[in-house]
Amino acid sequence: MVHYDNETKTLAVYDGRESAPSGATPD
């Protein structure tokens, strides 16, 4: 999500991308 605050004229990005489990392996 990219959010624009009209009062402060600022942007923020919210990253909700999934993450791999602790048991994930490169192969």
mmCIF file of all heavy atoms, coordinates in Angstrom:
data_MODEL
# 
_entry.id   MODEL 
# 
loop_
_atom_site.group_PDB 
_atom_site.id 
_atom_site.type_symbol 
_atom_site.label_atom_id 
_atom_site.label_alt_id 
_atom_site.label_comp_id 
_atom_site.label_asym_id 
_atom_site.label_entity_id 
_atom_site.label_seq_id 
_atom_site.pdbx_PDB_ins_code 
_atom_site.Cartn_x 
_atom_site.Cartn_y 
_atom_site.Cartn_z 
_atom_site.occupancy 
_atom_site.B_iso_or_equiv 
_atom_site.pdbx_formal_charge 
_atom_site.auth_seq_id 
_atom_site.auth_comp_id 
_atom_site.auth_asym_id 
_atom_site.auth_atom_id 
_atom_site.pdbx_PDB_model_num 
ATOM 1   N N   . MET A 1 1  ? 0.846  -1.189  0.000  1.00 0.00 ? 1  MET A N   1 
ATOM 2   C CA  . MET A 1 1  ? 0.000  0.000   0.000  1.00 0.00 ? 1  MET A CA  1 
ATOM 3   C C   . MET A 1 1  ? 0.884  1.242   0.000  1.00 0.00 ? 1  MET A C   1 
ATOM 4   O O   . MET A 1 1  ? 1.817  1.355   0.805  1.00 0.00 ? 1  MET A O   1 
ATOM 5   C CB  . MET A 1 1  ? -0.895 0.035   1.247  1.00 0.00 ? 1  MET A CB  1 
ATOM 6   C CG  . MET A 1 1  ? -1.714 1.334   1.385  1.00 0.00 ? 1  MET A CG  1 
ATOM 7   S SD  . MET A 1 1  ? -2.454 1.559   3.037  1.00 0.00 ? 1  MET A SD  1 
ATOM 8   C CE  . MET A 1 1  ? -3.731 0.308   2.999  1.00 0.00 ? 1  MET A CE  1 
ATOM 9   N N   . VAL A 1 2  ? 0.580  2.186   -0.910 1.00 0.00 ? 2  VAL A N   1 
ATOM 10  C CA  . VAL A 1 2  ? 1.197  3.507   -0.879 1.00 0.00 ? 2  VAL A CA  1 
ATOM 11  C C   . VAL A 1 2  ? 0.128  4.480   -0.391 1.00 0.00 ? 2  VAL A C   1 
ATOM 12  O O   . VAL A 1 2  ? -0.970 4.523   -0.945 1.00 0.00 ? 2  VAL A O   1 
ATOM 13  C CB  . VAL A 1 2  ? 1.727  3.935   -2.258 1.00 0.00 ? 2  VAL A CB  1 
ATOM 14  C CG1 . VAL A 1 2  ? 2.407  5.303   -2.170 1.00 0.00 ? 2  VAL A CG1 1 
ATOM 15  C CG2 . VAL A 1 2  ? 2.710  2.900   -2.796 1.00 0.00 ? 2  VAL A CG2 1 
ATOM 16  N N   . HIS A 1 3  ? 0.444  5.253   0.651  1.00 0.00 ? 3  HIS A N   1 
ATOM 17  C CA  . HIS A 1 3  ? -0.528 6.153   1.274  1.00 0.00 ? 3  HIS A CA  1 
ATOM 18  C C   . HIS A 1 3  ? -0.034 7.589   1.196  1.00 0.00 ? 3  HIS A C   1 
ATOM 19  O O   . HIS A 1 3  ? 1.134  7.875   1.481  1.00 0.00 ? 3  HIS A O   1 
ATOM 20  C CB  . HIS A 1 3  ? -0.749 5.775   2.737  1.00 0.00 ? 3  HIS A CB  1 
ATOM 21  C CG  . HIS A 1 3  ? -1.741 6.653   3.435  1.00 0.00 ? 3  HIS A CG  1 
ATOM 22  N ND1 . HIS A 1 3  ? -1.384 7.838   4.077  1.00 0.00 ? 3  HIS A ND1 1 
ATOM 23  C CD2 . HIS A 1 3  ? -3.097 6.549   3.585  1.00 0.00 ? 3  HIS A CD2 1 
ATOM 24  C CE1 . HIS A 1 3  ? -2.460 8.402   4.589  1.00 0.00 ? 3  HIS A CE1 1 
ATOM 25  N NE2 . HIS A 1 3  ? -3.518 7.640   4.306  1.00 0.00 ? 3  HIS A NE2 1 
ATOM 26  N N   . TYR A 1 4  ? -0.934 8.480   0.797  1.00 0.00 ? 4  TYR A N   1 
ATOM 27  C CA  . TYR A 1 4  ? -0.639 9.914   0.742  1.00 0.00 ? 4  TYR A CA  1 
ATOM 28  C C   . TYR A 1 4  ? -1.470 10.627  1.795  1.00 0.00 ? 4  TYR A C   1 
ATOM 29  O O   . TYR A 1 4  ? -2.701 10.505  1.824  1.00 0.00 ? 4  TYR A O   1 
ATOM 30  C CB  . TYR A 1 4  ? -0.968 10.470  -0.642 1.00 0.00 ? 4  TYR A CB  1 
ATOM 31  C CG  . TYR A 1 4  ? -0.866 11.981  -0.751 1.00 0.00 ? 4  TYR A CG  1 
ATOM 32  C CD1 . TYR A 1 4  ? 0.374  12.620  -0.775 1.00 0.00 ? 4  TYR A CD1 1 
ATOM 33  C CD2 . TYR A 1 4  ? -2.016 12.763  -0.831 1.00 0.00 ? 4  TYR A CD2 1 
ATOM 34  C CE1 . TYR A 1 4  ? 0.460  14.000  -0.878 1.00 0.00 ? 4  TYR A CE1 1 
ATOM 35  C CE2 . TYR A 1 4  ? -1.939 14.136  -0.935 1.00 0.00 ? 4  TYR A CE2 1 
ATOM 36  C CZ  . TYR A 1 4  ? -0.691 14.748  -0.957 1.00 0.00 ? 4  TYR A CZ  1 
ATOM 37  O OH  . TYR A 1 4  ? -0.609 16.128  -1.058 1.00 0.00 ? 4  TYR A OH  1 
ATOM 38  N N   . ASP A 1 5  ? -0.788 11.368  2.673  1.00 0.00 ? 5  ASP A N   1 
ATOM 39  C CA  . ASP A 1 5  ? -1.439 12.160  3.710  1.00 0.00 ? 5  ASP A CA  1 
ATOM 40  C C   . ASP A 1 5  ? -1.584 13.585  3.202  1.00 0.00 ? 5  ASP A C   1 
ATOM 41  O O   . ASP A 1 5  ? -0.580 14.303  3.052  1.00 0.00 ? 5  ASP A O   1 
ATOM 42  C CB  . ASP A 1 5  ? -0.605 12.122  4.995  1.00 0.00 ? 5  ASP A CB  1 
ATOM 43  C CG  . ASP A 1 5  ? -1.300 12.779  6.170  1.00 0.00 ? 5  ASP A CG  1 
ATOM 44  O OD1 . ASP A 1 5  ? -1.810 13.908  6.012  1.00 0.00 ? 5  ASP A OD1 1 
ATOM 45  O OD2 . ASP A 1 5  ? -1.318 12.186  7.262  1.00 0.00 ? 5  ASP A OD2 1 
ATOM 46  N N   . ASN A 1 6  ? -2.803 14.004  2.927  1.00 0.00 ? 6  ASN A N   1 
ATOM 47  C CA  . ASN A 1 6  ? -3.033 15.309  2.313  1.00 0.00 ? 6  ASN A CA  1 
ATOM 48  C C   . ASN A 1 6  ? -2.687 16.465  3.246  1.00 0.00 ? 6  ASN A C   1 
ATOM 49  O O   . ASN A 1 6  ? -2.295 17.542  2.785  1.00 0.00 ? 6  ASN A O   1 
ATOM 50  C CB  . ASN A 1 6  ? -4.494 15.424  1.864  1.00 0.00 ? 6  ASN A CB  1 
ATOM 51  C CG  . ASN A 1 6  ? -4.758 16.665  1.048  1.00 0.00 ? 6  ASN A CG  1 
ATOM 52  O OD1 . ASN A 1 6  ? -3.940 17.053  0.207  1.00 0.00 ? 6  ASN A OD1 1 
ATOM 53  N ND2 . ASN A 1 6  ? -5.880 17.315  1.291  1.00 0.00 ? 6  ASN A ND2 1 
ATOM 54  N N   . GLU A 1 7  ? -2.806 16.261  4.545  1.00 0.00 ? 7  GLU A N   1 
ATOM 55  C CA  . GLU A 1 7  ? -2.513 17.333  5.491  1.00 0.00 ? 7  GLU A CA  1 
ATOM 56  C C   . GLU A 1 7  ? -1.013 17.613  5.574  1.00 0.00 ? 7  GLU A C   1 
ATOM 57  O O   . GLU A 1 7  ? -0.581 18.765  5.540  1.00 0.00 ? 7  GLU A O   1 
ATOM 58  C CB  . GLU A 1 7  ? -3.046 16.986  6.881  1.00 0.00 ? 7  GLU A CB  1 
ATOM 59  C CG  . GLU A 1 7  ? -2.816 18.086  7.917  1.00 0.00 ? 7  GLU A CG  1 
ATOM 60  C CD  . GLU A 1 7  ? -3.383 17.738  9.281  1.00 0.00 ? 7  GLU A CD  1 
ATOM 61  O OE1 . GLU A 1 7  ? -3.988 16.662  9.423  1.00 0.00 ? 7  GLU A OE1 1 
ATOM 62  O OE2 . GLU A 1 7  ? -3.224 18.551  10.216 1.00 0.00 ? 7  GLU A OE2 1 
ATOM 63  N N   . THR A 1 8  ? -0.226 16.564  5.637  1.00 0.00 ? 8  THR A N   1 
ATOM 64  C CA  . THR A 1 8  ? 1.235  16.736  5.778  1.00 0.00 ? 8  THR A CA  1 
ATOM 65  C C   . THR A 1 8  ? 1.964  16.676  4.440  1.00 0.00 ? 8  THR A C   1 
ATOM 66  O O   . THR A 1 8  ? 3.167  16.935  4.392  1.00 0.00 ? 8  THR A O   1 
ATOM 67  C CB  . THR A 1 8  ? 1.799  15.662  6.700  1.00 0.00 ? 8  THR A CB  1 
ATOM 68  O OG1 . THR A 1 8  ? 1.556  14.366  6.128  1.00 0.00 ? 8  THR A OG1 1 
ATOM 69  C CG2 . THR A 1 8  ? 1.149  15.732  8.080  1.00 0.00 ? 8  THR A CG2 1 
ATOM 70  N N   . LYS A 1 9  ? 1.237  16.304  3.375  1.00 0.00 ? 9  LYS A N   1 
ATOM 71  C CA  . LYS A 1 9  ? 1.820  16.164  2.035  1.00 0.00 ? 9  LYS A CA  1 
ATOM 72  C C   . LYS A 1 9  ? 2.958  15.144  2.037  1.00 0.00 ? 9  LYS A C   1 
ATOM 73  O O   . LYS A 1 9  ? 4.003  15.341  1.415  1.00 0.00 ? 9  LYS A O   1 
ATOM 74  C CB  . LYS A 1 9  ? 2.340  17.509  1.492  1.00 0.00 ? 9  LYS A CB  1 
ATOM 75  C CG  . LYS A 1 9  ? 1.363  18.667  1.612  1.00 0.00 ? 9  LYS A CG  1 
ATOM 76  C CD  . LYS A 1 9  ? 0.065  18.422  0.894  1.00 0.00 ? 9  LYS A CD  1 
ATOM 77  C CE  . LYS A 1 9  ? -0.893 19.602  1.038  1.00 0.00 ? 9  LYS A CE  1 
ATOM 78  N NZ  . LYS A 1 9  ? -2.248 19.294  0.544  1.00 0.00 ? 9  LYS A NZ  1 
ATOM 79  N N   . THR A 1 10 ? 2.750  14.046  2.750  1.00 0.00 ? 10 THR A N   1 
ATOM 80  C CA  . THR A 1 10 ? 3.780  13.019  2.854  1.00 0.00 ? 10 THR A CA  1 
ATOM 81  C C   . THR A 1 10 ? 3.258  11.669  2.372  1.00 0.00 ? 10 THR A C   1 
ATOM 82  O O   . THR A 1 10 ? 2.054  11.401  2.383  1.00 0.00 ? 10 THR A O   1 
ATOM 83  C CB  . THR A 1 10 ? 4.266  12.863  4.303  1.00 0.00 ? 10 THR A CB  1 
ATOM 84  O OG1 . THR A 1 10 ? 3.137  12.574  5.147  1.00 0.00 ? 10 THR A OG1 1 
ATOM 85  C CG2 . THR A 1 10 ? 4.960  14.133  4.781  1.00 0.00 ? 10 THR A CG2 1 
ATOM 86  N N   . LEU A 1 11 ? 4.198  10.830  1.967  1.00 0.00 ? 11 LEU A N   1 
ATOM 87  C CA  . LEU A 1 11 ? 3.896  9.481   1.499  1.00 0.00 ? 11 LEU A CA  1 
ATOM 88  C C   . LEU A 1 11 ? 4.468  8.456   2.468  1.00 0.00 ? 11 LEU A C   1 
ATOM 89  O O   . LEU A 1 11 ? 5.516  8.678   3.082  1.00 0.00 ? 11 LEU A O   1 
ATOM 90  C CB  . LEU A 1 11 ? 4.497  9.240   0.118  1.00 0.00 ? 11 LEU A CB  1 
ATOM 91  C CG  . LEU A 1 11 ? 3.891  9.994   -1.066 1.00 0.00 ? 11 LEU A CG  1 
ATOM 92  C CD1 . LEU A 1 11 ? 4.825  9.910   -2.264 1.00 0.00 ? 11 LEU A CD1 1 
ATOM 93  C CD2 . LEU A 1 11 ? 2.524  9.419   -1.434 1.00 0.00 ? 11 LEU A CD2 1 
ATOM 94  N N   . ALA A 1 12 ? 3.800  7.340   2.569  1.00 0.00 ? 12 ALA A N   1 
ATOM 95  C CA  . ALA A 1 12 ? 4.319  6.199   3.328  1.00 0.00 ? 12 ALA A CA  1 
ATOM 96  C C   . ALA A 1 12 ? 3.959  4.927   2.579  1.00 0.00 ? 12 ALA A C   1 
ATOM 97  O O   . ALA A 1 12 ? 2.918  4.859   1.903  1.00 0.00 ? 12 ALA A O   1 
ATOM 98  C CB  . ALA A 1 12 ? 3.744  6.167   4.740  1.00 0.00 ? 12 ALA A CB  1 
ATOM 99  N N   . VAL A 1 13 ? 4.817  3.931   2.689  1.00 0.00 ? 13 VAL A N   1 
ATOM 100 C CA  . VAL A 1 13 ? 4.573  2.638   2.058  1.00 0.00 ? 13 VAL A CA  1 
ATOM 101 C C   . VAL A 1 13 ? 4.411  1.588   3.151  1.00 0.00 ? 13 VAL A C   1 
ATOM 102 O O   . VAL A 1 13 ? 5.220  1.523   4.090  1.00 0.00 ? 13 VAL A O   1 
ATOM 103 C CB  . VAL A 1 13 ? 5.737  2.246   1.126  1.00 0.00 ? 13 VAL A CB  1 
ATOM 104 C CG1 . VAL A 1 13 ? 5.540  0.827   0.594  1.00 0.00 ? 13 VAL A CG1 1 
ATOM 105 C CG2 . VAL A 1 13 ? 5.861  3.234   -0.020 1.00 0.00 ? 13 VAL A CG2 1 
ATOM 106 N N   . TYR A 1 14 ? 3.376  0.775   3.012  1.00 0.00 ? 14 TYR A N   1 
ATOM 107 C CA  . TYR A 1 14 ? 3.144  -0.324  3.939  1.00 0.00 ? 14 TYR A CA  1 
ATOM 108 C C   . TYR A 1 14 ? 3.382  -1.638  3.187  1.00 0.00 ? 14 TYR A C   1 
ATOM 109 O O   . TYR A 1 14 ? 2.716  -1.922  2.195  1.00 0.00 ? 14 TYR A O   1 
ATOM 110 C CB  . TYR A 1 14 ? 1.728  -0.255  4.513  1.00 0.00 ? 14 TYR A CB  1 
ATOM 111 C CG  . TYR A 1 14 ? 1.528  0.974   5.367  1.00 0.00 ? 14 TYR A CG  1 
ATOM 112 C CD1 . TYR A 1 14 ? 1.087  2.179   4.804  1.00 0.00 ? 14 TYR A CD1 1 
ATOM 113 C CD2 . TYR A 1 14 ? 1.820  0.955   6.725  1.00 0.00 ? 14 TYR A CD2 1 
ATOM 114 C CE1 . TYR A 1 14 ? 0.926  3.318   5.587  1.00 0.00 ? 14 TYR A CE1 1 
ATOM 115 C CE2 . TYR A 1 14 ? 1.668  2.096   7.513  1.00 0.00 ? 14 TYR A CE2 1 
ATOM 116 C CZ  . TYR A 1 14 ? 1.219  3.263   6.938  1.00 0.00 ? 14 TYR A CZ  1 
ATOM 117 O OH  . TYR A 1 14 ? 1.064  4.393   7.706  1.00 0.00 ? 14 TYR A OH  1 
ATOM 118 N N   . ASP A 1 15 ? 4.366  -2.389  3.656  1.00 0.00 ? 15 ASP A N   1 
ATOM 119 C CA  . ASP A 1 15 ? 4.804  -3.625  3.011  1.00 0.00 ? 15 ASP A CA  1 
ATOM 120 C C   . ASP A 1 15 ? 4.187  -4.811  3.740  1.00 0.00 ? 15 ASP A C   1 
ATOM 121 O O   . ASP A 1 15 ? 4.547  -5.109  4.874  1.00 0.00 ? 15 ASP A O   1 
ATOM 122 C CB  . ASP A 1 15 ? 6.341  -3.680  3.059  1.00 0.00 ? 15 ASP A CB  1 
ATOM 123 C CG  . ASP A 1 15 ? 6.924  -4.981  2.523  1.00 0.00 ? 15 ASP A CG  1 
ATOM 124 O OD1 . ASP A 1 15 ? 6.159  -5.916  2.250  1.00 0.00 ? 15 ASP A OD1 1 
ATOM 125 O OD2 . ASP A 1 15 ? 8.167  -5.067  2.395  1.00 0.00 ? 15 ASP A OD2 1 
ATOM 126 N N   . GLY A 1 16 ? 3.237  -5.472  3.073  1.00 0.00 ? 16 GLY A N   1 
ATOM 127 C CA  . GLY A 1 16 ? 2.621  -6.677  3.617  1.00 0.00 ? 16 GLY A CA  1 
ATOM 128 C C   . GLY A 1 16 ? 2.958  -7.890  2.779  1.00 0.00 ? 16 GLY A C   1 
ATOM 129 O O   . GLY A 1 16 ? 2.150  -8.817  2.654  1.00 0.00 ? 16 GLY A O   1 
ATOM 130 N N   . ARG A 1 17 ? 4.159  -7.886  2.220  1.00 0.00 ? 17 ARG A N   1 
ATOM 131 C CA  . ARG A 1 17 ? 4.609  -9.011  1.403  1.00 0.00 ? 17 ARG A CA  1 
ATOM 132 C C   . ARG A 1 17 ? 4.816  -10.242 2.283  1.00 0.00 ? 17 ARG A C   1 
ATOM 133 O O   . ARG A 1 17 ? 5.354  -10.147 3.387  1.00 0.00 ? 17 ARG A O   1 
ATOM 134 C CB  . ARG A 1 17 ? 5.928  -8.650  0.718  1.00 0.00 ? 17 ARG A CB  1 
ATOM 135 C CG  . ARG A 1 17 ? 6.470  -9.693  -0.258 1.00 0.00 ? 17 ARG A CG  1 
ATOM 136 C CD  . ARG A 1 17 ? 5.548  -9.912  -1.418 1.00 0.00 ? 17 ARG A CD  1 
ATOM 137 N NE  . ARG A 1 17 ? 6.228  -10.573 -2.546 1.00 0.00 ? 17 ARG A NE  1 
ATOM 138 C CZ  . ARG A 1 17 ? 5.591  -11.130 -3.556 1.00 0.00 ? 17 ARG A CZ  1 
ATOM 139 N NH1 . ARG A 1 17 ? 4.279  -11.112 -3.590 1.00 0.00 ? 17 ARG A NH1 1 
ATOM 140 N NH2 . ARG A 1 17 ? 6.264  -11.682 -4.545 1.00 0.00 ? 17 ARG A NH2 1 
ATOM 141 N N   . GLU A 1 18 ? 4.380  -11.399 1.814  1.00 0.00 ? 18 GLU A N   1 
ATOM 142 C CA  . GLU A 1 18 ? 4.554  -12.629 2.572  1.00 0.00 ? 18 GLU A CA  1 
ATOM 143 C C   . GLU A 1 18 ? 6.046  -12.955 2.751  1.00 0.00 ? 18 GLU A C   1 
ATOM 144 O O   . GLU A 1 18 ? 6.885  -12.514 1.968  1.00 0.00 ? 18 GLU A O   1 
ATOM 145 C CB  . GLU A 1 18 ? 3.880  -13.813 1.862  1.00 0.00 ? 18 GLU A CB  1 
ATOM 146 C CG  . GLU A 1 18 ? 2.390  -13.644 1.673  1.00 0.00 ? 18 GLU A CG  1 
ATOM 147 C CD  . GLU A 1 18 ? 2.013  -12.969 0.366  1.00 0.00 ? 18 GLU A CD  1 
ATOM 148 O OE1 . GLU A 1 18 ? 2.855  -12.207 -0.186 1.00 0.00 ? 18 GLU A OE1 1 
ATOM 149 O OE2 . GLU A 1 18 ? 0.901  -13.205 -0.111 1.00 0.00 ? 18 GLU A OE2 1 
ATOM 150 N N   . SER A 1 19 ? 6.337  -13.764 3.744  1.00 0.00 ? 19 SER A N   1 
ATOM 151 C CA  . SER A 1 19 ? 7.722  -14.185 3.968  1.00 0.00 ? 19 SER A CA  1 
ATOM 152 C C   . SER A 1 19 ? 7.808  -15.703 3.970  1.00 0.00 ? 19 SER A C   1 
ATOM 153 O O   . SER A 1 19 ? 6.857  -16.407 4.332  1.00 0.00 ? 19 SER A O   1 
ATOM 154 C CB  . SER A 1 19 ? 8.250  -13.627 5.295  1.00 0.00 ? 19 SER A CB  1 
ATOM 155 O OG  . SER A 1 19 ? 7.458  -14.064 6.379  1.00 0.00 ? 19 SER A OG  1 
ATOM 156 N N   . ALA A 1 20 ? 8.968  -16.197 3.556  1.00 0.00 ? 20 ALA A N   1 
ATOM 157 C CA  . ALA A 1 20 ? 9.200  -17.640 3.520  1.00 0.00 ? 20 ALA A CA  1 
ATOM 158 C C   . ALA A 1 20 ? 9.292  -18.196 4.941  1.00 0.00 ? 20 ALA A C   1 
ATOM 159 O O   . ALA A 1 20 ? 9.711  -17.497 5.864  1.00 0.00 ? 20 ALA A O   1 
ATOM 160 C CB  . ALA A 1 20 ? 10.479 -17.938 2.758  1.00 0.00 ? 20 ALA A CB  1 
ATOM 161 N N   . PRO A 1 21 ? 8.908  -19.445 5.141  1.00 0.00 ? 21 PRO A N   1 
ATOM 162 C CA  . PRO A 1 21 ? 9.026  -20.039 6.475  1.00 0.00 ? 21 PRO A CA  1 
ATOM 163 C C   . PRO A 1 21 ? 10.488 -20.235 6.882  1.00 0.00 ? 21 PRO A C   1 
ATOM 164 O O   . PRO A 1 21 ? 11.391 -20.224 6.042  1.00 0.00 ? 21 PRO A O   1 
ATOM 165 C CB  . PRO A 1 21 ? 8.311  -21.383 6.316  1.00 0.00 ? 21 PRO A CB  1 
ATOM 166 C CG  . PRO A 1 21 ? 8.359  -21.694 4.859  1.00 0.00 ? 21 PRO A CG  1 
ATOM 167 C CD  . PRO A 1 21 ? 8.307  -20.372 4.159  1.00 0.00 ? 21 PRO A CD  1 
ATOM 168 N N   . SER A 1 22 ? 10.684 -20.421 8.172  1.00 0.00 ? 22 SER A N   1 
ATOM 169 C CA  . SER A 1 22 ? 12.041 -20.617 8.672  1.00 0.00 ? 22 SER A CA  1 
ATOM 170 C C   . SER A 1 22 ? 12.665 -21.901 8.145  1.00 0.00 ? 22 SER A C   1 
ATOM 171 O O   . SER A 1 22 ? 13.894 -22.047 8.116  1.00 0.00 ? 22 SER A O   1 
ATOM 172 C CB  . SER A 1 22 ? 12.041 -20.637 10.209 1.00 0.00 ? 22 SER A CB  1 
ATOM 173 O OG  . SER A 1 22 ? 11.149 -21.632 10.698 1.00 0.00 ? 22 SER A OG  1 
ATOM 174 N N   . GLY A 1 23 ? 11.813 -22.830 7.695  1.00 0.00 ? 23 GLY A N   1 
ATOM 175 C CA  . GLY A 1 23 ? 12.323 -24.088 7.162  1.00 0.00 ? 23 GLY A CA  1 
ATOM 176 C C   . GLY A 1 23 ? 12.548 -24.080 5.658  1.00 0.00 ? 23 GLY A C   1 
ATOM 177 O O   . GLY A 1 23 ? 12.885 -25.129 5.074  1.00 0.00 ? 23 GLY A O   1 
ATOM 178 N N   . ALA A 1 24 ? 12.390 -22.942 5.002  1.00 0.00 ? 24 ALA A N   1 
ATOM 179 C CA  . ALA A 1 24 ? 12.583 -22.868 3.548  1.00 0.00 ? 24 ALA A CA  1 
ATOM 180 C C   . ALA A 1 24 ? 14.041 -23.113 3.177  1.00 0.00 ? 24 ALA A C   1 
ATOM 181 O O   . ALA A 1 24 ? 14.965 -22.732 3.916  1.00 0.00 ? 24 ALA A O   1 
ATOM 182 C CB  . ALA A 1 24 ? 12.134 -21.511 3.027  1.00 0.00 ? 24 ALA A CB  1 
ATOM 183 N N   . THR A 1 25 ? 14.261 -23.730 2.016  1.00 0.00 ? 25 THR A N   1 
ATOM 184 C CA  . THR A 1 25 ? 15.616 -24.005 1.536  1.00 0.00 ? 25 THR A CA  1 
ATOM 185 C C   . THR A 1 25 ? 15.776 -23.519 0.099  1.00 0.00 ? 25 THR A C   1 
ATOM 186 O O   . THR A 1 25 ? 14.797 -23.465 -0.650 1.00 0.00 ? 25 THR A O   1 
ATOM 187 C CB  . THR A 1 25 ? 15.919 -25.516 1.579  1.00 0.00 ? 25 THR A CB  1 
ATOM 188 O OG1 . THR A 1 25 ? 14.975 -26.211 0.735  1.00 0.00 ? 25 THR A OG1 1 
ATOM 189 C CG2 . THR A 1 25 ? 15.811 -26.046 3.002  1.00 0.00 ? 25 THR A CG2 1 
ATOM 190 N N   . PRO A 1 26 ? 16.995 -23.157 -0.310 1.00 0.00 ? 26 PRO A N   1 
ATOM 191 C CA  . PRO A 1 26 ? 17.203 -22.626 -1.664 1.00 0.00 ? 26 PRO A CA  1 
ATOM 192 C C   . PRO A 1 26 ? 16.808 -23.587 -2.778 1.00 0.00 ? 26 PRO A C   1 
ATOM 193 O O   . PRO A 1 26 ? 16.492 -23.151 -3.884 1.00 0.00 ? 26 PRO A O   1 
ATOM 194 C CB  . PRO A 1 26 ? 18.710 -22.335 -1.689 1.00 0.00 ? 26 PRO A CB  1 
ATOM 195 C CG  . PRO A 1 26 ? 19.098 -22.169 -0.266 1.00 0.00 ? 26 PRO A CG  1 
ATOM 196 C CD  . PRO A 1 26 ? 18.220 -23.117 0.503  1.00 0.00 ? 26 PRO A CD  1 
ATOM 197 N N   . ASP A 1 27 ? 16.807 -24.893 -2.488 1.00 0.00 ? 27 ASP A N   1 
ATOM 198 C CA  . ASP A 1 27 ? 16.528 -25.876 -3.535 1.00 0.00 ? 27 ASP A CA  1 
ATOM 199 C C   . ASP A 1 27 ? 15.138 -26.491 -3.426 1.00 0.00 ? 27 ASP A C   1 
ATOM 200 O O   . ASP A 1 27 ? 14.863 -27.521 -4.041 1.00 0.00 ? 27 ASP A O   1 
ATOM 201 C CB  . ASP A 1 27 ? 17.587 -26.985 -3.510 1.00 0.00 ? 27 ASP A CB  1 
ATOM 202 C CG  . ASP A 1 27 ? 17.611 -27.735 -2.177 1.00 0.00 ? 27 ASP A CG  1 
ATOM 203 O OD1 . ASP A 1 27 ? 16.898 -27.323 -1.239 1.00 0.00 ? 27 ASP A OD1 1 
ATOM 204 O OD2 . ASP A 1 27 ? 18.361 -28.728 -2.068 1.00 0.00 ? 27 ASP A OD2 1 
# 
